[in-house]
Structures are given as structure tokens and as C-alpha cells.
PDB file of N, CA and C in Angstrom:
ATOM      1  N   MET A   1     -24.241 -39.039  77.368  1.00  0.00           N
ATOM      2  CA  MET A   1     -23.529 -38.286  76.315  1.00  0.00           C
ATOM      3  C   MET A   1     -22.036 -38.567  76.355  1.00  0.00           C
ATOM      4  N   PHE A   2     -21.261 -38.488  77.469  1.00  0.00           N
ATOM      5  CA  PHE A   2     -19.926 -38.586  77.496  1.00  0.00           C
ATOM      6  C   PHE A   2     -19.637 -40.111  77.069  1.00  0.00           C
ATOM      7  N   LYS A   3     -20.463 -40.912  77.584  1.00  0.00           N
ATOM      8  CA  LYS A   3     -20.062 -42.187  77.316  1.00  0.00           C
ATOM      9  C   LYS A   3     -19.939 -42.602  75.654  1.00  0.00           C
ATOM     10  N   GLN A   4     -21.072 -41.977  75.139  1.00  0.00           N
ATOM     11  CA  GLN A   4     -21.211 -42.291  73.794  1.00  0.00           C
ATOM     12  C   GLN A   4     -20.038 -41.670  73.078  1.00  0.00           C
ATOM     13  N   PHE A   5     -19.435 -40.569  73.440  1.00  0.00           N
ATOM     14  CA  PHE A   5     -18.403 -40.043  73.003  1.00  0.00           C
ATOM     15  C   PHE A   5     -17.167 -40.731  73.255  1.00  0.00           C
ATOM     16  N   ILE A   6     -17.014 -41.164  74.287  1.00  0.00           N
ATOM     17  CA  ILE A   6     -15.859 -42.219  74.657  1.00  0.00           C
ATOM     18  C   ILE A   6     -15.675 -43.439  73.697  1.00  0.00           C
ATOM     19  N   ASP A   7     -17.063 -43.824  73.693  1.00  0.00           N
ATOM     20  CA  ASP A   7     -16.962 -45.405  72.912  1.00  0.00           C
ATOM     21  C   ASP A   7     -16.700 -45.171  71.577  1.00  0.00           C
ATOM     22  N   LYS A   8     -17.118 -44.217  70.830  1.00  0.00           N
ATOM     23  CA  LYS A   8     -16.952 -43.995  69.403  1.00  0.00           C
ATOM     24  C   LYS A   8     -15.445 -43.453  68.836  1.00  0.00           C
ATOM     25  N   VAL A   9     -14.830 -42.764  69.967  1.00  0.00           N
ATOM     26  CA  VAL A   9     -13.270 -42.307  69.706  1.00  0.00           C
ATOM     27  C   VAL A   9     -12.463 -43.444  70.102  1.00  0.00           C
ATOM     28  N   SER A  10     -11.652 -43.743  69.221  1.00  0.00           N
ATOM     29  CA  SER A  10     -10.721 -44.836  69.626  1.00  0.00           C
ATOM     30  C   SER A  10      -9.557 -44.345  70.531  1.00  0.00           C
ATOM     31  N   GLY A  11      -9.361 -44.924  71.667  1.00  0.00           N
ATOM     32  CA  GLY A  11      -8.365 -44.281  72.609  1.00  0.00           C
ATOM     33  C   GLY A  11      -9.151 -43.125  73.488  1.00  0.00           C
ATOM     34  N   GLY A  12     -10.401 -43.294  73.611  1.00  0.00           N
ATOM     35  CA  GLY A  12     -11.188 -42.177  74.238  1.00  0.00           C
ATOM     36  C   GLY A  12     -10.750 -42.146  75.809  1.00  0.00           C
ATOM     37  N   GLU A  13     -10.122 -43.223  76.478  1.00  0.00           N
ATOM     38  CA  GLU A  13      -9.829 -43.172  77.922  1.00  0.00           C
ATOM     39  C   GLU A  13      -8.666 -42.388  77.907  1.00  0.00           C
ATOM     40  N   TRP A  14      -7.923 -42.260  77.058  1.00  0.00           N
ATOM     41  CA  TRP A  14      -6.770 -41.310  77.197  1.00  0.00           C
ATOM     42  C   TRP A  14      -7.037 -39.866  77.083  1.00  0.00           C
ATOM     43  N   TYR A  15      -8.136 -39.497  76.425  1.00  0.00           N
ATOM     44  CA  TYR A  15      -8.525 -38.231  76.592  1.00  0.00           C
ATOM     45  C   TYR A  15      -9.103 -37.780  78.143  1.00  0.00           C
ATOM     46  N   LEU A  16      -9.753 -38.728  78.641  1.00  0.00           N
ATOM     47  CA  LEU A  16     -10.162 -38.371  79.908  1.00  0.00           C
ATOM     48  C   LEU A  16      -9.049 -38.541  81.199  1.00  0.00           C
ATOM     49  N   ILE A  17      -8.026 -39.309  80.875  1.00  0.00           N
ATOM     50  CA  ILE A  17      -6.818 -39.462  81.861  1.00  0.00           C
ATOM     51  C   ILE A  17      -6.149 -37.949  81.539  1.00  0.00           C
ATOM     52  N   THR A  18      -5.833 -37.586  80.292  1.00  0.00           N
ATOM     53  CA  THR A  18      -5.062 -36.397  79.950  1.00  0.00           C
ATOM     54  C   THR A  18      -5.813 -35.273  80.678  1.00  0.00           C
ATOM     55  N   SER A  19      -7.071 -34.967  80.278  1.00  0.00           N
ATOM     56  CA  SER A  19      -7.901 -33.955  80.738  1.00  0.00           C
ATOM     57  C   SER A  19      -7.771 -33.937  82.419  1.00  0.00           C
ATOM     58  N   LEU A  20      -7.852 -35.015  83.004  1.00  0.00           N
ATOM     59  CA  LEU A  20      -7.683 -35.109  84.473  1.00  0.00           C
ATOM     60  C   LEU A  20      -6.337 -34.512  84.953  1.00  0.00           C
ATOM     61  N   TRP A  21      -5.381 -34.896  84.132  1.00  0.00           N
ATOM     62  CA  TRP A  21      -3.935 -34.697  84.858  1.00  0.00           C
ATOM     63  C   TRP A  21      -3.776 -33.145  84.382  1.00  0.00           C
ATOM     64  N   ILE A  22      -4.417 -32.560  83.374  1.00  0.00           N
ATOM     65  CA  ILE A  22      -4.246 -31.128  83.031  1.00  0.00           C
ATOM     66  C   ILE A  22      -5.008 -30.312  84.254  1.00  0.00           C
ATOM     67  N   PHE A  23      -6.082 -30.775  84.530  1.00  0.00           N
ATOM     68  CA  PHE A  23      -6.830 -30.069  85.515  1.00  0.00           C
ATOM     69  C   PHE A  23      -6.124 -30.272  87.056  1.00  0.00           C
ATOM     70  N   LEU A  24      -5.742 -31.413  87.320  1.00  0.00           N
ATOM     71  CA  LEU A  24      -4.893 -31.258  88.618  1.00  0.00           C
ATOM     72  C   LEU A  24      -3.778 -30.628  88.590  1.00  0.00           C
ATOM     73  N   VAL A  25      -3.053 -30.677  87.536  1.00  0.00           N
ATOM     74  CA  VAL A  25      -1.666 -29.747  87.461  1.00  0.00           C
ATOM     75  C   VAL A  25      -1.845 -28.429  87.413  1.00  0.00           C
ATOM     76  N   PHE A  26      -2.775 -27.877  86.756  1.00  0.00           N
ATOM     77  CA  PHE A  26      -3.289 -26.420  86.677  1.00  0.00           C
ATOM     78  C   PHE A  26      -3.718 -26.176  88.183  1.00  0.00           C
ATOM     79  N   PHE A  27      -4.534 -26.838  89.139  1.00  0.00           N
ATOM     80  CA  PHE A  27      -4.770 -26.427  90.264  1.00  0.00           C
ATOM     81  C   PHE A  27      -3.827 -26.672  91.209  1.00  0.00           C
ATOM     82  N   ILE A  28      -2.932 -27.556  91.065  1.00  0.00           N
ATOM     83  CA  ILE A  28      -1.592 -27.527  91.950  1.00  0.00           C
ATOM     84  C   ILE A  28      -0.686 -26.370  91.658  1.00  0.00           C
ATOM     85  N   ILE A  29      -0.561 -25.928  90.593  1.00  0.00           N
ATOM     86  CA  ILE A  29       0.253 -24.773  90.368  1.00  0.00           C
ATOM     87  C   ILE A  29      -0.368 -23.463  90.790  1.00  0.00           C
ATOM     88  N   VAL A  30      -1.790 -23.468  90.771  1.00  0.00           N
ATOM     89  CA  VAL A  30      -2.433 -22.182  91.156  1.00  0.00           C
ATOM     90  C   VAL A  30      -2.226 -22.088  92.818  1.00  0.00           C
ATOM     91  N   GLY A  31      -2.509 -23.219  93.295  1.00  0.00           N
ATOM     92  CA  GLY A  31      -2.184 -23.467  94.897  1.00  0.00           C
ATOM     93  C   GLY A  31      -0.912 -23.230  95.292  1.00  0.00           C
ATOM     94  N   ILE A  32       0.147 -23.595  94.626  1.00  0.00           N
ATOM     95  CA  ILE A  32       1.603 -23.164  94.720  1.00  0.00           C
ATOM     96  C   ILE A  32       1.745 -21.818  94.697  1.00  0.00           C
ATOM     97  N   MET A  33       1.268 -21.010  93.692  1.00  0.00           N
ATOM     98  CA  MET A  33       1.255 -19.697  93.602  1.00  0.00           C
ATOM     99  C   MET A  33       0.713 -18.914  94.539  1.00  0.00           C
ATOM    100  N   LEU A  34      -0.371 -19.206  94.903  1.00  0.00           N
ATOM    101  CA  LEU A  34      -1.130 -18.793  96.011  1.00  0.00           C
ATOM    102  C   LEU A  34      -0.385 -18.707  97.389  1.00  0.00           C
ATOM    103  N   ILE A  35       0.111 -19.906  97.617  1.00  0.00           N
ATOM    104  CA  ILE A  35       0.990 -20.000  98.938  1.00  0.00           C
ATOM    105  C   ILE A  35       2.296 -19.145  98.992  1.00  0.00           C
ATOM    106  N   ARG A  36       2.920 -19.049  97.642  1.00  0.00           N
ATOM    107  CA  ARG A  36       4.086 -18.342  97.576  1.00  0.00           C
ATOM    108  C   ARG A  36       3.998 -16.857  97.229  1.00  0.00           C
ATOM    109  N   SER A  37       2.606 -16.329  97.152  1.00  0.00           N
ATOM    110  CA  SER A  37       2.479 -14.966  96.685  1.00  0.00           C
ATOM    111  C   SER A  37       2.641 -14.001  97.947  1.00  0.00           C
ATOM    112  N   ASN A  38       3.079 -12.893  97.533  1.00  0.00           N
ATOM    113  CA  ASN A  38       3.398 -11.839  98.722  1.00  0.00           C
ATOM    114  C   ASN A  38       2.170 -11.429  99.535  1.00  0.00           C
ATOM    115  N   LYS A  39       2.108 -11.526 100.768  1.00  0.00           N
ATOM    116  CA  LYS A  39       0.921 -11.507 101.623  1.00  0.00           C
ATOM    117  C   LYS A  39       0.514 -10.039 101.606  1.00  0.00           C
ATOM    118  N   ASN A  40       1.479  -9.119 101.572  1.00  0.00           N
ATOM    119  CA  ASN A  40       1.306  -7.696 101.726  1.00  0.00           C
ATOM    120  C   ASN A  40       0.650  -7.193 100.306  1.00  0.00           C
ATOM    121  N   HIS A  41       0.800  -7.592  99.460  1.00  0.00           N
ATOM    122  CA  HIS A  41       0.162  -7.192  98.005  1.00  0.00           C
ATOM    123  C   HIS A  41      -0.901  -7.793  98.269  1.00  0.00           C
ATOM    124  N   ILE A  42      -1.445  -8.982  98.542  1.00  0.00           N
ATOM    125  CA  ILE A  42      -2.762  -9.307  98.557  1.00  0.00           C
ATOM    126  C   ILE A  42      -3.632  -8.494  99.765  1.00  0.00           C
ATOM    127  N   ALA A  43      -3.113  -8.187 100.781  1.00  0.00           N
ATOM    128  CA  ALA A  43      -3.717  -7.381 101.784  1.00  0.00           C
ATOM    129  C   ALA A  43      -4.012  -6.110 101.164  1.00  0.00           C
ATOM    130  N   TYR A  44      -2.782  -5.409 100.434  1.00  0.00           N
ATOM    131  CA  TYR A  44      -3.222  -4.118  99.831  1.00  0.00           C
ATOM    132  C   TYR A  44      -4.378  -4.363  98.664  1.00  0.00           C
ATOM    133  N   MET A  45      -4.436  -5.249  97.838  1.00  0.00           N
ATOM    134  CA  MET A  45      -5.526  -5.323  96.865  1.00  0.00           C
ATOM    135  C   MET A  45      -6.778  -5.576  97.655  1.00  0.00           C
ATOM    136  N   SER A  46      -6.858  -6.151  98.611  1.00  0.00           N
ATOM    137  CA  SER A  46      -8.331  -6.470  99.317  1.00  0.00           C
ATOM    138  C   SER A  46      -8.775  -5.347  99.902  1.00  0.00           C
ATOM    139  N   ARG A  47      -7.967  -4.431 100.183  1.00  0.00           N
ATOM    140  CA  ARG A  47      -8.445  -3.097 100.966  1.00  0.00           C
ATOM    141  C   ARG A  47      -8.518  -2.069  99.677  1.00  0.00           C
ATOM    142  N   LEU A  48      -8.094  -2.215  98.672  1.00  0.00           N
ATOM    143  CA  LEU A  48      -7.988  -1.147  97.462  1.00  0.00           C
ATOM    144  C   LEU A  48      -9.463  -0.616  97.236  1.00  0.00           C
ATOM    145  N   PRO A  49     -10.455  -1.438  96.930  1.00  0.00           N
ATOM    146  CA  PRO A  49     -11.698  -0.684  96.667  1.00  0.00           C
ATOM    147  C   PRO A  49     -12.560  -0.097  97.778  1.00  0.00           C
ATOM    148  N   LEU A  50     -11.929  -0.288  99.021  1.00  0.00           N
ATOM    149  CA  LEU A  50     -12.464   0.414 100.270  1.00  0.00           C
ATOM    150  C   LEU A  50     -11.823   1.692 100.499  1.00  0.00           C
ATOM    151  N   THR A  51     -10.687   2.013  99.902  1.00  0.00           N
ATOM    152  CA  THR A  51     -10.034   3.184 100.318  1.00  0.00           C
ATOM    153  C   THR A  51     -10.544   4.208  99.906  1.00  0.00           C
ATOM    154  N   ASP A  52     -10.206   5.549 100.217  1.00  0.00           N
ATOM    155  CA  ASP A  52     -10.569   6.763  99.421  1.00  0.00           C
ATOM    156  C   ASP A  52      -9.349   7.627  99.315  1.00  0.00           C
ATOM    157  N   GLU A  53      -8.205   6.775  98.975  1.00  0.00           N
ATOM    158  CA  GLU A  53      -6.988   7.672  98.556  1.00  0.00           C
ATOM    159  C   GLU A  53      -7.207   8.197  97.199  1.00  0.00           C
ATOM    160  N   LYS A  54      -6.639   9.417  97.236  1.00  0.00           N
ATOM    161  CA  LYS A  54      -6.655  10.232  95.911  1.00  0.00           C
ATOM    162  C   LYS A  54      -5.080  10.434  95.427  1.00  0.00           C
ATOM    163  N   ASN A  55      -4.873   9.995  94.395  1.00  0.00           N
ATOM    164  CA  ASN A  55      -3.649  10.146  93.798  1.00  0.00           C
ATOM    165  C   ASN A  55      -3.449  11.265  92.755  1.00  0.00           C
ATOM    166  N   ASP A  56      -3.800  12.542  93.103  1.00  0.00           N
ATOM    167  CA  ASP A  56      -3.608  13.733  92.345  1.00  0.00           C
ATOM    168  C   ASP A  56      -2.322  14.191  92.172  1.00  0.00           C
TER     169      ASP A  56
END
């Protein structure tokens, strides 16, 4: 199916290369954000559903 699409569209290989680069850049940015994130905030958010704190 994808091969037929690429064969019919002129310059179809550029669509594949561009989509690959967008995919890689997105996950590299997410990885960098994850590494640089505040570890205390992540720990707090992971415990949040399990705590019985009432904020009255």
C-alpha cells in the first residue's frame, strides 16, 4: 500500500525522509525534556493518586 503511494507521488521519498526526521526530532526533544525535568515533581506526581491528603 505504501509503495503504491510512493510510486504515484512525485518526490515521494522526500515524504518518507521528512517524516522520519520529524519522528526522530520529536522523540529526541521528549527525551531531553525527560532528562532535564524536575525529579521531585515527577516523584510527587507518581505518588499523587495513592495519597489520602485532603486540602480542605
